[in-house]
Amino acid sequence: MRVSVDVGGTFTDVIVLDEDSGDIQLDKVATTPANPAEGVLEGFDKVGAQTGDIEYFVHGTTLGINAMLTRSGAKVAFVTTRGFRDIYVLGRTDREPMYDFKYKKPKSLVPRSLCFEVTGRLNYKGQVLIPFDADQAREVAQRIVDQGVESVAVCFLHSYANPAHELAFEKVFQEVAPQISVTLSHRLSRVYREYERSSTTVIDAYIKPITRTYLTRLNSELVNGGFNGNFLMTRSGGGAMTLDTAREEPAHLVLSGPAGGVIGGAFLGKLIDLTNMITVDMGGTSLDASLIAEGEPTVENEQVFQTLPISIPTIDIHTIGAGGGSIAWVDEGGHLQVGPQSAGADPGPACYNKDGQQATFTDAALQIGFLNPDNFLGGEIDIDPALAEAAIERLAQQLGMGLNDVAAGIVSILEAKMAGAVRVISVERGYHPRDFALCAFGGGGAFVAANISRELGVPLAIIPPGPGNFSALGMLMVDVVHDYARTHITGLVDMDPAQANQVYTELAAQGQAALASDGFGADQQQYLPSAEMRYRGQEHTVNIPLPGVTLSTDDIPLITERFHAAHLQQYGHSMMQDPIEIVTLRLRAVGLLPRPDLARAETGSGNLAAASRGSRMVYDRASSSQIEYQVYDRMKLGAGDSLSGPAIVEEPSSTTMVHTGDALTVGDYGELQIRIAQRGDNG
């Protein structure tokens, strides 16, 4: 069997896939923030997964990003070339909210007092200008130890061209303090831009001790229980990494959990022939939106988290504080606001009866009739509508509004924020949402899918099977991935293919060694080359897939055509006469894992009476009236069954809203396909 676990801020999702039958078992348990491993093991017990029978265990976690958000990572020292001590603290000396006079830069992960410098200098070609001073390095190492540092980030000038000085410092430091973890920048990023490499290295060092402790503890518990399969972690850039690699390079885990849902969306889209898809993952704390074009997730080679750049391949996921636990509040101007603060798992929404006093999206959905109080997680969790009503009533009194209008307003405000998040990864990337289907999952995605689609002009919404656990399901579809890059600035027309091929030979050798270490034979390896390119004089680049790892001058016309098309898509224009430069050569080495087959859904009878659960009244804000929605059990709907809104489709981990004018059909794999009535349509 294969098992995957996605640890979120509120719930831990567990999926078990029987590879012989294709049958899937899924469940949820509450996340245990103090020790996430407890929640993982509890999930194993709940689904009855026998650790000795597991061939692949794939895990995604928000541990790294949560440590950054809450500033609860390790005490880190930063070491760089003499004369560049302030490179990390100064950054780019700019700020993203240019016109926000109240803006305050987030606290640095490393204070200036823990930034150190060592003599030794390379030029941009990697040639030695000033020799490395090992004695000074030893003094710096001792000062770091005396400061009680837990982790060290090392980024020397031009180490992307020659890592010798970083390796020399690591050797010295291990002699002084072998118990302290060290991150070297060239192992994460062999590209230029010193600040971005420094930031990437610091992030890795900041989350390394906590990640290592967690993964080591979890692996030990699994092995003690008889596990002898493959332990994989999902990567922020898609794919997976082995346990050993994850412990050494945890920066690749920053968006580990959300990446699973995007991978699952791409997999499902290919199954049902929808290769253009926008994924929306709404959990208890946040919403993650991403775009899949022509069957492939959008991968960026640099992302920014709380103004901190991280230069590693990352699926383009836009995250906002909008989830089931998002708290509603009244601002100083007397206006209703929702989020980004969240009630989380503890105390959770008011209706959880855990002493939560503030109204949340979940409370509002319960109040207006979206949510069945007797079917929360299949009835496993008791929720109290009276507590939700009391929390919303307190807001209603502040606002001077009716109870139901406030509840409906909470839902509408959060839906508007979610639509804005989708625009960021679609419209702002040069894509129109109407050319895509919306795949919504997470515990709350199916609640909002229809209205978000309508707001954006999306014609079709997809609710996958097991939407509350879908990110965990996507983790079962991964391959093992290693990403490599090397700065190689050259004009495209006058490029020397032999030099580029030499770089790719070196990168491929690294990939082959890594995949062989992971246990992959030559017939299980795949190599995907690409190049970051720009028009000469530009600052930023576009990543273009290349025909192969061996290039010739005959490939230049095709590469040129691809670059112009990609630049037009991303920026709205191309400059056909301007010279083109290659900036960075990249290679993705893939270890191919066997692809599991998903079982097709049983064909439905067309008789909806067997699936009927009666009806429920839902408050409609537009008409200020109650509307009757027919309620159906998703588990009793089969492929080909169809129904029209207003309707509600319930299952243990999620609730799907089908509004007036919308039409739902069950697809071949049990996915719900909702045709969205657009504004102005009849009915």
Foldseek 3Di string as FASTA:
>chain_A
DEKEWEADLFKIKIWDADQVFQDIDIAIDGADVVFRLVRVVVRCVVRVPQQQPHAEYEYAYQLLQVCVVVVPFFAEAEEEAPPCQCCQVCPPVADDVNPDPPDDQDDDNYDSVRGYYWHWDADLQRHTPTHGDLVVLLVNLVVNVVVVGQEYFYAYPNCLNPVVNVVSSVVSNCVVPVNHYYFYLNVFASADDRNQSRLQRSSQRRHLVVQLVNLVVSVVVSVVSNHDHFYWFAFQQFFIAGSVVCNNGVSRNNVRLVNLLVLLVLVVCVVVVFQWEWEWAAAQFKIKIFTGHRSHFDWDQWDADSNGIHRHIGGPIQMAGFHQFWFWDADPVRDIDTDSDGCGNVVGAQQQVRPDQTAHLNLLCVQQWQDDQCQALHNPGHGHNVRSQVNQVVSCVSNVHDSNLSSVVRVVNSLVVSLVSNCVNAVLQQHQQCSHEYEFAALERQVNQQVSCQVRVHFKYKDAPPRNNSSRVSSLQHWHKDKDKHWDKDWLQPDDLVVQLVVLVVVVVVLVVSVVVVPADPVQKDKWKWFWKDFPPDDGTDIGTFPDSRDDSVRSVVRLVRRQVSCCRRPVHGDSPTIMITTMIMMMMTGHDDGRDNDWWDAAPLDQPVFWPAWIWGQDNVVRDTDIATEGELVRGTAFHKDADCYWYDDSRYIHGHHHPKMWGQHGRRMIMIGHDHPPHDD
